[in-house]
C-alpha atoms as a PDB file:
ATOM      1  CA  MET A   1       0.000   0.000   0.000  1.00  0.00           C
ATOM      2  CA  LYS A   2       1.307   3.418  -0.965  1.00  0.00           C
ATOM      3  CA  SER A   3       2.019   5.782   1.959  1.00  0.00           C
ATOM      4  CA  LEU A   4       0.063   9.015   2.282  1.00  0.00           C
ATOM      5  CA  ASN A   5       1.988  12.185   1.451  1.00  0.00           C
ATOM      6  CA  PHE A   6       1.699  13.886   4.826  1.00  0.00           C
ATOM      7  CA  GLU A   7       3.701  16.931   3.755  1.00  0.00           C
ATOM      8  CA  ALA A   8       1.082  17.617   1.068  1.00  0.00           C
ATOM      9  CA  LEU A   9      -1.687  17.103   3.645  1.00  0.00           C
ATOM     10  CA  TYR A  10       0.002  19.544   6.039  1.00  0.00           C
ATOM     11  CA  GLY A  11       0.246  22.043   3.183  1.00  0.00           C
ATOM     12  CA  ILE A  12      -3.473  21.682   2.439  1.00  0.00           C
ATOM     13  CA  PHE A  13      -4.332  22.375   6.067  1.00  0.00           C
ATOM     14  CA  GLU A  14      -1.830  25.207   6.507  1.00  0.00           C
ATOM     15  CA  GLU A  15      -2.556  27.022   3.279  1.00  0.00           C
ATOM     16  CA  GLY A  16      -5.912  25.793   1.987  1.00  0.00           C
ATOM     17  CA  ILE A  17      -7.905  25.541   5.187  1.00  0.00           C
ATOM     18  CA  TYR A  18      -6.185  27.892   7.645  1.00  0.00           C
ATOM     19  CA  GLY A  19      -4.329  30.078   5.144  1.00  0.00           C
ATOM     20  CA  GLY A  20      -4.961  33.755   5.727  1.00  0.00           C
ATOM     21  CA  ARG A  21      -6.599  33.140   9.099  1.00  0.00           C
ATOM     22  CA  ILE A  22      -3.380  32.693  11.032  1.00  0.00           C
ATOM     23  CA  ASP A  23      -1.302  35.850  11.057  1.00  0.00           C
ATOM     24  CA  ASN A  24       0.825  35.132  14.127  1.00  0.00           C
ATOM     25  CA  PRO A  25       4.001  33.058  13.562  1.00  0.00           C
ATOM     26  CA  SER A  26       3.682  31.360  16.969  1.00  0.00           C
ATOM     27  CA  ASP A  27       0.079  30.342  16.187  1.00  0.00           C
ATOM     28  CA  LEU A  28       1.264  28.849  12.895  1.00  0.00           C
ATOM     29  CA  LYS A  29       3.924  26.931  14.821  1.00  0.00           C
ATOM     30  CA  VAL A  30       1.213  25.550  17.141  1.00  0.00           C
ATOM     31  CA  LEU A  31      -0.941  24.525  14.157  1.00  0.00           C
ATOM     32  CA  ARG A  32       2.002  22.730  12.568  1.00  0.00           C
ATOM     33  CA  SER A  33       2.690  20.942  15.840  1.00  0.00           C
ATOM     34  CA  TYR A  34      -0.918  19.692  16.083  1.00  0.00           C
ATOM     35  CA  LEU A  35      -0.984  18.635  12.434  1.00  0.00           C
ATOM     36  CA  ARG A  36       2.094  16.502  12.948  1.00  0.00           C
ATOM     37  CA  LYS A  37       0.778  15.108  16.222  1.00  0.00           C
ATOM     38  CA  TYR A  38      -2.643  14.057  14.904  1.00  0.00           C
ATOM     39  CA  PHE A  39      -1.968  13.413  11.208  1.00  0.00           C
ATOM     40  CA  ASN A  40       0.801  10.842  10.865  1.00  0.00           C
ATOM     41  CA  GLN A  41       1.337   7.210   9.892  1.00  0.00           C
ATOM     42  CA  LEU A  42       1.043   5.967  13.505  1.00  0.00           C
ATOM     43  CA  MET A  43      -2.416   7.506  13.763  1.00  0.00           C
ATOM     44  CA  LEU A  44      -3.522   5.864  10.532  1.00  0.00           C
ATOM     45  CA  ASN A  45      -2.250   2.528  11.799  1.00  0.00           C
ATOM     46  CA  SER A  46      -4.246   3.110  15.028  1.00  0.00           C
ATOM     47  CA  GLN A  47      -1.108   2.679  17.084  1.00  0.00           C
ATOM     48  CA  THR A  48      -1.524   5.988  18.863  1.00  0.00           C
ATOM     49  CA  GLU A  49      -4.418   7.146  21.021  1.00  0.00           C
ATOM     50  CA  VAL A  50      -6.253  10.183  19.656  1.00  0.00           C
ATOM     51  CA  GLY A  51      -7.726  11.153  22.988  1.00  0.00           C
ATOM     52  CA  PHE A  52     -10.340  10.115  25.540  1.00  0.00           C
ATOM     53  CA  GLY A  53      -9.262   6.470  25.211  1.00  0.00           C
ATOM     54  CA  SER A  54      -9.790   6.039  21.464  1.00  0.00           C
ATOM     55  CA  ASN A  55      -7.772   5.281  18.362  1.00  0.00           C
ATOM     56  CA  ILE A  56      -8.638   6.329  14.807  1.00  0.00           C
ATOM     57  CA  PRO A  57     -11.916   4.634  13.783  1.00  0.00           C
ATOM     58  CA  LYS A  58     -11.569   1.999  11.042  1.00  0.00           C
ATOM     59  CA  ASN A  59     -15.183   1.863   9.849  1.00  0.00           C
ATOM     60  CA  GLN A  60     -18.516   3.683  10.091  1.00  0.00           C
ATOM     61  CA  LYS A  61     -19.632   1.830  13.232  1.00  0.00           C
ATOM     62  CA  GLU A  62     -16.388   2.727  15.038  1.00  0.00           C
ATOM     63  CA  LEU A  63     -16.649   6.322  13.760  1.00  0.00           C
ATOM     64  CA  ILE A  64     -20.157   6.696  15.225  1.00  0.00           C
ATOM     65  CA  ALA A  65     -19.038   5.209  18.557  1.00  0.00           C
ATOM     66  CA  PHE A  66     -15.937   7.462  18.509  1.00  0.00           C
ATOM     67  CA  THR A  67     -18.069  10.550  17.833  1.00  0.00           C
ATOM     68  CA  ASN A  68     -20.513   9.648  20.593  1.00  0.00           C
ATOM     69  CA  ARG A  69     -17.631   9.353  23.099  1.00  0.00           C
ATOM     70  CA  MET A  70     -16.311  12.811  22.263  1.00  0.00           C
ATOM     71  CA  PRO A  71     -16.848  15.226  25.149  1.00  0.00           C
ATOM     72  CA  GLU A  72     -18.932  18.379  24.667  1.00  0.00           C
ATOM     73  CA  ILE A  73     -16.064  20.493  25.965  1.00  0.00           C
ATOM     74  CA  ASP A  74     -12.506  19.927  24.772  1.00  0.00           C
ATOM     75  CA  ASP A  75     -10.209  18.517  27.430  1.00  0.00           C
ATOM     76  CA  PRO A  76      -7.180  20.840  27.565  1.00  0.00           C
ATOM     77  CA  SER A  77      -4.868  17.841  28.020  1.00  0.00           C
ATOM     78  CA  VAL A  78      -5.663  16.760  24.438  1.00  0.00           C
ATOM     79  CA  PHE A  79      -3.833  19.920  23.380  1.00  0.00           C
ATOM     80  CA  GLY A  80      -0.979  19.417  25.846  1.00  0.00           C
ATOM     81  CA  LEU A  81      -2.331  22.072  28.203  1.00  0.00           C
ATOM     82  CA  PRO A  82      -2.820  21.824  31.979  1.00  0.00           C
ATOM     83  CA  LYS A  83      -6.325  20.986  33.245  1.00  0.00           C
ATOM     84  CA  ASN A  84      -6.713  24.444  34.842  1.00  0.00           C
ATOM     85  CA  ILE A  85      -5.783  26.449  31.724  1.00  0.00           C
ATOM     86  CA  ASP A  86      -9.334  27.776  31.387  1.00  0.00           C
ATOM     87  CA  LYS A  87      -8.998  29.439  34.795  1.00  0.00           C
ATOM     88  CA  ALA A  88      -5.774  31.147  33.685  1.00  0.00           C
ATOM     89  CA  VAL A  89      -7.434  32.369  30.473  1.00  0.00           C
ATOM     90  CA  GLN A  90     -10.447  33.665  32.430  1.00  0.00           C
ATOM     91  CA  ARG A  91      -8.146  35.431  34.900  1.00  0.00           C
ATOM     92  CA  ALA A  92      -6.188  37.110  32.085  1.00  0.00           C
ATOM     93  CA  SER A  93      -9.420  38.191  30.346  1.00  0.00           C
ATOM     94  CA  THR A  94     -10.793  39.597  33.583  1.00  0.00           C
ATOM     95  CA  GLU A  95      -7.564  41.506  34.266  1.00  0.00           C
ATOM     96  CA  ALA A  96      -7.679  43.026  30.771  1.00  0.00           C
ATOM     97  CA  VAL A  97     -11.295  44.098  31.265  1.00  0.00           C
ATOM     98  CA  VAL A  98     -10.516  45.681  34.656  1.00  0.00           C
ATOM     99  CA  HIS A  99      -7.509  47.484  33.170  1.00  0.00           C
ATOM    100  CA  HIS A 100      -9.583  48.910  30.303  1.00  0.00           C
ATOM    101  CA  LEU A 101     -12.378  49.968  32.657  1.00  0.00           C
ATOM    102  CA  LYS A 102      -9.847  51.772  34.870  1.00  0.00           C
ATOM    103  CA  THR A 103      -8.423  53.528  31.798  1.00  0.00           C
ATOM    104  CA  LEU A 104     -11.898  54.691  30.765  1.00  0.00           C
ATOM    105  CA  SER A 105     -12.718  55.793  34.313  1.00  0.00           C
ATOM    106  CA  LEU A 106      -9.449  57.695  34.710  1.00  0.00           C
ATOM    107  CA  ALA A 107      -9.936  59.473  31.378  1.00  0.00           C
ATOM    108  CA  HIS A 108     -13.458  60.479  32.438  1.00  0.00           C
ATOM    109  CA  GLU A 109     -12.233  61.765  35.825  1.00  0.00           C
ATOM    110  CA  GLU A 110      -9.490  63.798  34.150  1.00  0.00           C
ATOM    111  CA  GLY A 111     -12.002  65.237  31.697  1.00  0.00           C
ATOM    112  CA  ARG A 112     -10.070  63.891  28.720  1.00  0.00           C
ATOM    113  CA  VAL A 113     -11.933  63.388  25.494  1.00  0.00           C
ATOM    114  CA  ILE A 114     -11.466  59.929  24.017  1.00  0.00           C
ATOM    115  CA  ASP A 115     -12.162  59.536  20.320  1.00  0.00           C
ATOM    116  CA  LYS A 116     -14.519  56.857  19.036  1.00  0.00           C
ATOM    117  CA  GLU A 117     -11.752  54.492  17.867  1.00  0.00           C
ATOM    118  CA  GLU A 118     -10.015  54.637  21.264  1.00  0.00           C
ATOM    119  CA  LYS A 119     -13.293  53.977  23.091  1.00  0.00           C
ATOM    120  CA  LEU A 120     -13.945  50.975  20.854  1.00  0.00           C
ATOM    121  CA  ARG A 121     -10.433  49.668  21.492  1.00  0.00           C
ATOM    122  CA  LEU A 122     -10.878  50.046  25.256  1.00  0.00           C
ATOM    123  CA  ILE A 123     -14.295  48.383  25.433  1.00  0.00           C
ATOM    124  CA  ALA A 124     -13.498  45.566  22.959  1.00  0.00           C
ATOM    125  CA  PRO A 125     -12.275  43.174  25.714  1.00  0.00           C
ATOM    126  CA  ILE A 126     -15.443  43.875  27.711  1.00  0.00           C
ATOM    127  CA  ILE A 127     -17.655  43.068  24.745  1.00  0.00           C
ATOM    128  CA  LYS A 128     -15.609  39.959  23.956  1.00  0.00           C
ATOM    129  CA  LEU A 129     -15.863  38.697  27.551  1.00  0.00           C
ATOM    130  CA  TRP A 130     -19.612  39.383  27.584  1.00  0.00           C
ATOM    131  CA  ALA A 131     -20.070  37.531  24.286  1.00  0.00           C
ATOM    132  CA  GLN A 132     -18.104  34.520  25.556  1.00  0.00           C
ATOM    133  CA  THR A 133     -20.090  34.438  28.793  1.00  0.00           C
ATOM    134  CA  TYR A 134     -23.397  34.769  26.949  1.00  0.00           C
ATOM    135  CA  LYS A 135     -22.432  31.956  24.562  1.00  0.00           C
ATOM    136  CA  GLN A 136     -21.511  29.651  27.464  1.00  0.00           C
ATOM    137  CA  ILE A 137     -24.833  30.340  29.186  1.00  0.00           C
ATOM    138  CA  LYS A 138     -26.791  29.909  25.951  1.00  0.00           C
ATOM    139  CA  ASP A 139     -24.940  26.686  25.057  1.00  0.00           C
ATOM    140  CA  ALA A 140     -25.479  25.273  28.550  1.00  0.00           C
ATOM    141  CA  LYS A 141     -29.172  26.142  28.404  1.00  0.00           C
ATOM    142  CA  PHE A 142     -29.702  24.521  24.994  1.00  0.00           C
ATOM    143  CA  ALA A 143     -27.508  21.518  25.842  1.00  0.00           C
ATOM    144  CA  SER A 144     -29.967  20.593  28.584  1.00  0.00           C
ATOM    145  CA  ILE A 145     -32.946  20.555  26.176  1.00  0.00           C
ATOM    146  CA  LYS A 146     -33.981  17.070  25.116  1.00  0.00           C
ATOM    147  CA  ASN A 147     -34.922  16.278  21.511  1.00  0.00           C
ATOM    148  CA  SER A 148     -38.495  15.448  22.598  1.00  0.00           C
ATOM    149  CA  GLU A 149     -38.798  18.965  24.067  1.00  0.00           C
ATOM    150  CA  LEU A 150     -37.769  20.498  20.757  1.00  0.00           C
ATOM    151  CA  MET A 151     -40.619  18.730  18.976  1.00  0.00           C
ATOM    152  CA  SER A 152     -43.193  19.599  21.640  1.00  0.00           C
ATOM    153  CA  GLU A 153     -46.032  21.968  20.792  1.00  0.00           C
ATOM    154  CA  ASN A 154     -46.004  23.249  24.387  1.00  0.00           C
ATOM    155  CA  PRO A 155     -44.540  26.780  24.296  1.00  0.00           C
ATOM    156  CA  ILE A 156     -43.308  26.571  27.908  1.00  0.00           C
END
Protein backbone atom coordinates (compact mmCIF):
# COMPACT_ATOMS: atom_id res chain seq x y z
CA MET A 1 0.00 0.00 0.00
CA LYS A 2 1.31 3.42 -0.97
CA SER A 3 2.02 5.78 1.96
CA LEU A 4 0.06 9.01 2.28
CA ASN A 5 1.99 12.19 1.45
CA PHE A 6 1.70 13.89 4.83
CA GLU A 7 3.70 16.93 3.76
CA ALA A 8 1.08 17.62 1.07
CA LEU A 9 -1.69 17.10 3.64
CA TYR A 10 0.00 19.54 6.04
CA GLY A 11 0.25 22.04 3.18
CA ILE A 12 -3.47 21.68 2.44
CA PHE A 13 -4.33 22.37 6.07
CA GLU A 14 -1.83 25.21 6.51
CA GLU A 15 -2.56 27.02 3.28
CA GLY A 16 -5.91 25.79 1.99
CA ILE A 17 -7.91 25.54 5.19
CA TYR A 18 -6.18 27.89 7.64
CA GLY A 19 -4.33 30.08 5.14
CA GLY A 20 -4.96 33.76 5.73
CA ARG A 21 -6.60 33.14 9.10
CA ILE A 22 -3.38 32.69 11.03
CA ASP A 23 -1.30 35.85 11.06
CA ASN A 24 0.83 35.13 14.13
CA PRO A 25 4.00 33.06 13.56
CA SER A 26 3.68 31.36 16.97
CA ASP A 27 0.08 30.34 16.19
CA LEU A 28 1.26 28.85 12.89
CA LYS A 29 3.92 26.93 14.82
CA VAL A 30 1.21 25.55 17.14
CA LEU A 31 -0.94 24.52 14.16
CA ARG A 32 2.00 22.73 12.57
CA SER A 33 2.69 20.94 15.84
CA TYR A 34 -0.92 19.69 16.08
CA LEU A 35 -0.98 18.64 12.43
CA ARG A 36 2.09 16.50 12.95
CA LYS A 37 0.78 15.11 16.22
CA TYR A 38 -2.64 14.06 14.90
CA PHE A 39 -1.97 13.41 11.21
CA ASN A 40 0.80 10.84 10.86
CA GLN A 41 1.34 7.21 9.89
CA LEU A 42 1.04 5.97 13.51
CA MET A 43 -2.42 7.51 13.76
CA LEU A 44 -3.52 5.86 10.53
CA ASN A 45 -2.25 2.53 11.80
CA SER A 46 -4.25 3.11 15.03
CA GLN A 47 -1.11 2.68 17.08
CA THR A 48 -1.52 5.99 18.86
CA GLU A 49 -4.42 7.15 21.02
CA VAL A 50 -6.25 10.18 19.66
CA GLY A 51 -7.73 11.15 22.99
CA PHE A 52 -10.34 10.11 25.54
CA GLY A 53 -9.26 6.47 25.21
CA SER A 54 -9.79 6.04 21.46
CA ASN A 55 -7.77 5.28 18.36
CA ILE A 56 -8.64 6.33 14.81
CA PRO A 57 -11.92 4.63 13.78
CA LYS A 58 -11.57 2.00 11.04
CA ASN A 59 -15.18 1.86 9.85
CA GLN A 60 -18.52 3.68 10.09
CA LYS A 61 -19.63 1.83 13.23
CA GLU A 62 -16.39 2.73 15.04
CA LEU A 63 -16.65 6.32 13.76
CA ILE A 64 -20.16 6.70 15.22
CA ALA A 65 -19.04 5.21 18.56
CA PHE A 66 -15.94 7.46 18.51
CA THR A 67 -18.07 10.55 17.83
CA ASN A 68 -20.51 9.65 20.59
CA ARG A 69 -17.63 9.35 23.10
CA MET A 70 -16.31 12.81 22.26
CA PRO A 71 -16.85 15.23 25.15
CA GLU A 72 -18.93 18.38 24.67
CA ILE A 73 -16.06 20.49 25.97
CA ASP A 74 -12.51 19.93 24.77
CA ASP A 75 -10.21 18.52 27.43
CA PRO A 76 -7.18 20.84 27.56
CA SER A 77 -4.87 17.84 28.02
CA VAL A 78 -5.66 16.76 24.44
CA PHE A 79 -3.83 19.92 23.38
CA GLY A 80 -0.98 19.42 25.85
CA LEU A 81 -2.33 22.07 28.20
CA PRO A 82 -2.82 21.82 31.98
CA LYS A 83 -6.33 20.99 33.25
CA ASN A 84 -6.71 24.44 34.84
CA ILE A 85 -5.78 26.45 31.72
CA ASP A 86 -9.33 27.78 31.39
CA LYS A 87 -9.00 29.44 34.80
CA ALA A 88 -5.77 31.15 33.69
CA VAL A 89 -7.43 32.37 30.47
CA GLN A 90 -10.45 33.67 32.43
CA ARG A 91 -8.15 35.43 34.90
CA ALA A 92 -6.19 37.11 32.09
CA SER A 93 -9.42 38.19 30.35
CA THR A 94 -10.79 39.60 33.58
CA GLU A 95 -7.56 41.51 34.27
CA ALA A 96 -7.68 43.03 30.77
CA VAL A 97 -11.29 44.10 31.27
CA VAL A 98 -10.52 45.68 34.66
CA HIS A 99 -7.51 47.48 33.17
CA HIS A 100 -9.58 48.91 30.30
CA LEU A 101 -12.38 49.97 32.66
CA LYS A 102 -9.85 51.77 34.87
CA THR A 103 -8.42 53.53 31.80
CA LEU A 104 -11.90 54.69 30.76
CA SER A 105 -12.72 55.79 34.31
CA LEU A 106 -9.45 57.70 34.71
CA ALA A 107 -9.94 59.47 31.38
CA HIS A 108 -13.46 60.48 32.44
CA GLU A 109 -12.23 61.76 35.83
CA GLU A 110 -9.49 63.80 34.15
CA GLY A 111 -12.00 65.24 31.70
CA ARG A 112 -10.07 63.89 28.72
CA VAL A 113 -11.93 63.39 25.49
CA ILE A 114 -11.47 59.93 24.02
CA ASP A 115 -12.16 59.54 20.32
CA LYS A 116 -14.52 56.86 19.04
CA GLU A 117 -11.75 54.49 17.87
CA GLU A 118 -10.01 54.64 21.26
CA LYS A 119 -13.29 53.98 23.09
CA LEU A 120 -13.94 50.97 20.85
CA ARG A 121 -10.43 49.67 21.49
CA LEU A 122 -10.88 50.05 25.26
CA ILE A 123 -14.30 48.38 25.43
CA ALA A 124 -13.50 45.57 22.96
CA PRO A 125 -12.28 43.17 25.71
CA ILE A 126 -15.44 43.87 27.71
CA ILE A 127 -17.66 43.07 24.74
CA LYS A 128 -15.61 39.96 23.96
CA LEU A 129 -15.86 38.70 27.55
CA TRP A 130 -19.61 39.38 27.58
CA ALA A 131 -20.07 37.53 24.29
CA GLN A 132 -18.10 34.52 25.56
CA THR A 133 -20.09 34.44 28.79
CA TYR A 134 -23.40 34.77 26.95
CA LYS A 135 -22.43 31.96 24.56
CA GLN A 136 -21.51 29.65 27.46
CA ILE A 137 -24.83 30.34 29.19
CA LYS A 138 -26.79 29.91 25.95
CA ASP A 139 -24.94 26.69 25.06
CA ALA A 140 -25.48 25.27 28.55
CA LYS A 141 -29.17 26.14 28.40
CA PHE A 142 -29.70 24.52 24.99
CA ALA A 143 -27.51 21.52 25.84
CA SER A 144 -29.97 20.59 28.58
CA ILE A 145 -32.95 20.55 26.18
CA LYS A 146 -33.98 17.07 25.12
CA ASN A 147 -34.92 16.28 21.51
CA SER A 148 -38.49 15.45 22.60
CA GLU A 149 -38.80 18.96 24.07
CA LEU A 150 -37.77 20.50 20.76
CA MET A 151 -40.62 18.73 18.98
CA SER A 152 -43.19 19.60 21.64
CA GLU A 153 -46.03 21.97 20.79
CA ASN A 154 -46.00 23.25 24.39
CA PRO A 155 -44.54 26.78 24.30
CA ILE A 156 -43.31 26.57 27.91
